[in-house]
């Protein structure tokens, strides 16, 4: 995200916190997060998320950056099952379902013993 093109005098005379900007200097696409959002301030709602380019409510007075969304966490059980399938695939031969179930019990036990879920 790049700094808005606001003169140093205009920014210092506004008395705003760092990275809080007057709506007189609207945000651009480069200042929005990866989905095109910024945070807007108005007295009725406080801070709220909005698209940088859409018309804003008339009482919006300030805006600031909105961080990108955090990546979704992987399901630990799905990760464990994927590691089991990878480990099972490392053997040159296939296993019958009862043997595979027995191997999975041992794998899960060792996986949990090592501090994994």
Protein backbone atom coordinates (compact mmCIF):
# COMPACT_ATOMS: atom_id res chain seq x y z
CA UNK A 1 0.00 0.00 0.00
CA UNK A 2 1.40 3.33 -0.93
CA UNK A 3 1.20 6.61 0.98
CA UNK A 4 -1.51 8.92 -0.32
CA UNK A 5 -0.27 11.93 -2.23
CA UNK A 6 -0.94 14.36 0.59
CA UNK A 7 1.34 17.29 1.14
CA UNK A 8 3.35 17.14 4.37
CA UNK A 9 1.85 20.43 5.48
CA UNK A 10 -1.75 19.23 4.94
CA UNK A 11 -1.05 16.04 6.89
CA UNK A 12 0.72 17.69 9.80
CA UNK A 13 -1.86 20.45 10.14
CA UNK A 14 -4.75 17.96 10.32
CA UNK A 15 -3.59 16.54 13.67
CA UNK A 16 -4.63 13.00 12.67
CA UNK A 17 -3.03 9.78 13.87
CA UNK A 18 -0.51 8.09 11.59
CA UNK A 19 -2.20 6.36 8.62
CA UNK A 20 -5.59 8.05 9.26
CA UNK A 21 -6.51 10.35 6.41
CA UNK A 22 -9.20 12.93 5.76
CA UNK A 23 -11.85 11.94 3.24
CA UNK A 24 -10.81 15.09 1.38
CA UNK A 25 -7.95 12.84 0.15
CA UNK A 26 -9.93 9.70 -0.88
CA UNK A 27 -8.22 6.31 -1.04
CA UNK A 28 -6.98 4.80 -4.28
CA UNK A 29 -6.79 1.20 -5.45
CA UNK A 30 -3.13 1.02 -4.43
CA UNK A 31 -4.06 1.93 -0.84
CA UNK A 32 -6.85 -0.65 -0.57
CA UNK A 33 -6.20 -4.18 0.64
CA UNK A 34 -6.05 -7.18 -1.70
CA UNK A 35 -9.86 -7.26 -1.96
CA UNK A 36 -10.25 -3.51 -2.55
CA UNK A 37 -11.39 -2.49 0.95
CA UNK A 38 -10.41 0.30 3.34
CA UNK A 39 -11.82 1.38 6.71
CA UNK A 40 -14.05 4.45 6.83
CA UNK A 41 -15.03 6.49 9.91
CA UNK A 42 -18.33 8.20 10.59
CA UNK A 43 -20.01 9.26 13.84
CA UNK A 44 -23.03 6.99 13.41
CA UNK A 45 -21.13 3.70 12.92
CA UNK A 46 -17.53 4.33 13.92
CA UNK A 47 -15.04 2.39 11.80
CA UNK A 48 -16.56 0.26 9.07
CA UNK A 49 -15.25 -1.57 6.02
CA UNK A 50 -16.04 -0.28 2.54
CA UNK A 51 -14.84 -0.52 -1.05
CA UNK A 52 -12.34 2.23 -1.84
CA UNK A 53 -14.08 3.36 -5.05
CA UNK A 54 -17.78 3.25 -4.16
CA UNK A 55 -19.71 6.31 -3.05
CA UNK A 56 -19.56 6.69 0.68
CA UNK A 57 -22.15 7.78 3.20
CA UNK A 58 -22.34 11.58 3.46
CA UNK A 59 -21.08 11.72 7.05
CA UNK A 60 -17.81 9.80 6.45
CA UNK A 61 -14.93 11.99 7.58
CA UNK A 62 -11.81 9.78 7.59
CA UNK A 63 -10.36 6.58 6.19
CA UNK A 64 -7.40 4.28 6.91
CA UNK A 65 -5.80 1.12 5.57
CA UNK A 66 -7.41 -2.29 6.11
CA UNK A 67 -5.01 -5.24 6.36
CA UNK A 68 -5.33 -8.19 4.00
CA UNK A 69 -7.30 -11.17 5.25
CA UNK A 70 -5.34 -13.85 7.06
CA UNK A 71 -5.03 -17.14 5.22
CA UNK A 72 -7.44 -19.80 6.41
CA UNK A 73 -5.92 -22.31 8.80
CA UNK A 74 -5.72 -25.89 7.65
CA UNK A 75 -7.78 -28.50 9.41
CA UNK A 76 -5.29 -30.46 11.57
CA UNK A 77 -7.09 -33.77 11.00
CA UNK A 78 -7.13 -33.24 7.24
CA UNK A 79 -3.42 -32.42 7.39
CA UNK A 80 -2.77 -35.59 9.39
CA UNK A 81 -4.75 -37.69 6.89
CA UNK A 82 -2.85 -36.09 4.00
CA UNK A 83 0.47 -36.92 5.66
CA UNK A 84 -0.71 -40.50 6.21
CA UNK A 85 -1.70 -40.83 2.55
CA UNK A 86 1.70 -39.43 1.53
CA UNK A 87 3.50 -41.85 3.84
CA UNK A 88 1.39 -44.77 2.62
CA UNK A 89 2.15 -43.81 -0.98
CA UNK A 90 5.88 -44.04 -0.28
CA UNK A 91 5.66 -47.85 -0.18
CA UNK A 92 6.18 -49.61 -3.51
CA UNK A 93 3.27 -52.01 -2.90
CA UNK A 94 -0.40 -51.47 -2.09
CA UNK A 95 -2.02 -52.72 1.09
CA UNK A 96 -5.33 -54.45 1.73
CA UNK A 97 -7.93 -52.30 3.55
CA UNK A 98 -7.58 -54.16 6.90
CA UNK A 99 -3.79 -53.74 6.84
CA UNK A 100 -4.16 -50.10 5.80
CA UNK A 101 -6.52 -49.52 8.75
CA UNK A 102 -3.98 -51.10 11.13
CA UNK A 103 -1.18 -48.96 9.69
CA UNK A 104 -3.34 -45.84 10.09
CA UNK A 105 -3.96 -46.66 13.78
CA UNK A 106 -0.21 -46.89 14.32
CA UNK A 107 0.44 -43.72 12.31
CA UNK A 108 -2.20 -41.75 14.24
CA UNK A 109 -0.81 -43.02 17.55
CA UNK A 110 2.71 -41.92 16.62
CA UNK A 111 1.41 -38.64 15.25
CA UNK A 112 -0.37 -37.86 18.53
CA UNK A 113 2.62 -39.01 20.60
CA UNK A 114 4.78 -36.43 18.85
CA UNK A 115 2.44 -33.65 19.99
CA UNK A 116 0.33 -33.35 16.86
CA UNK A 117 -3.49 -33.35 17.10
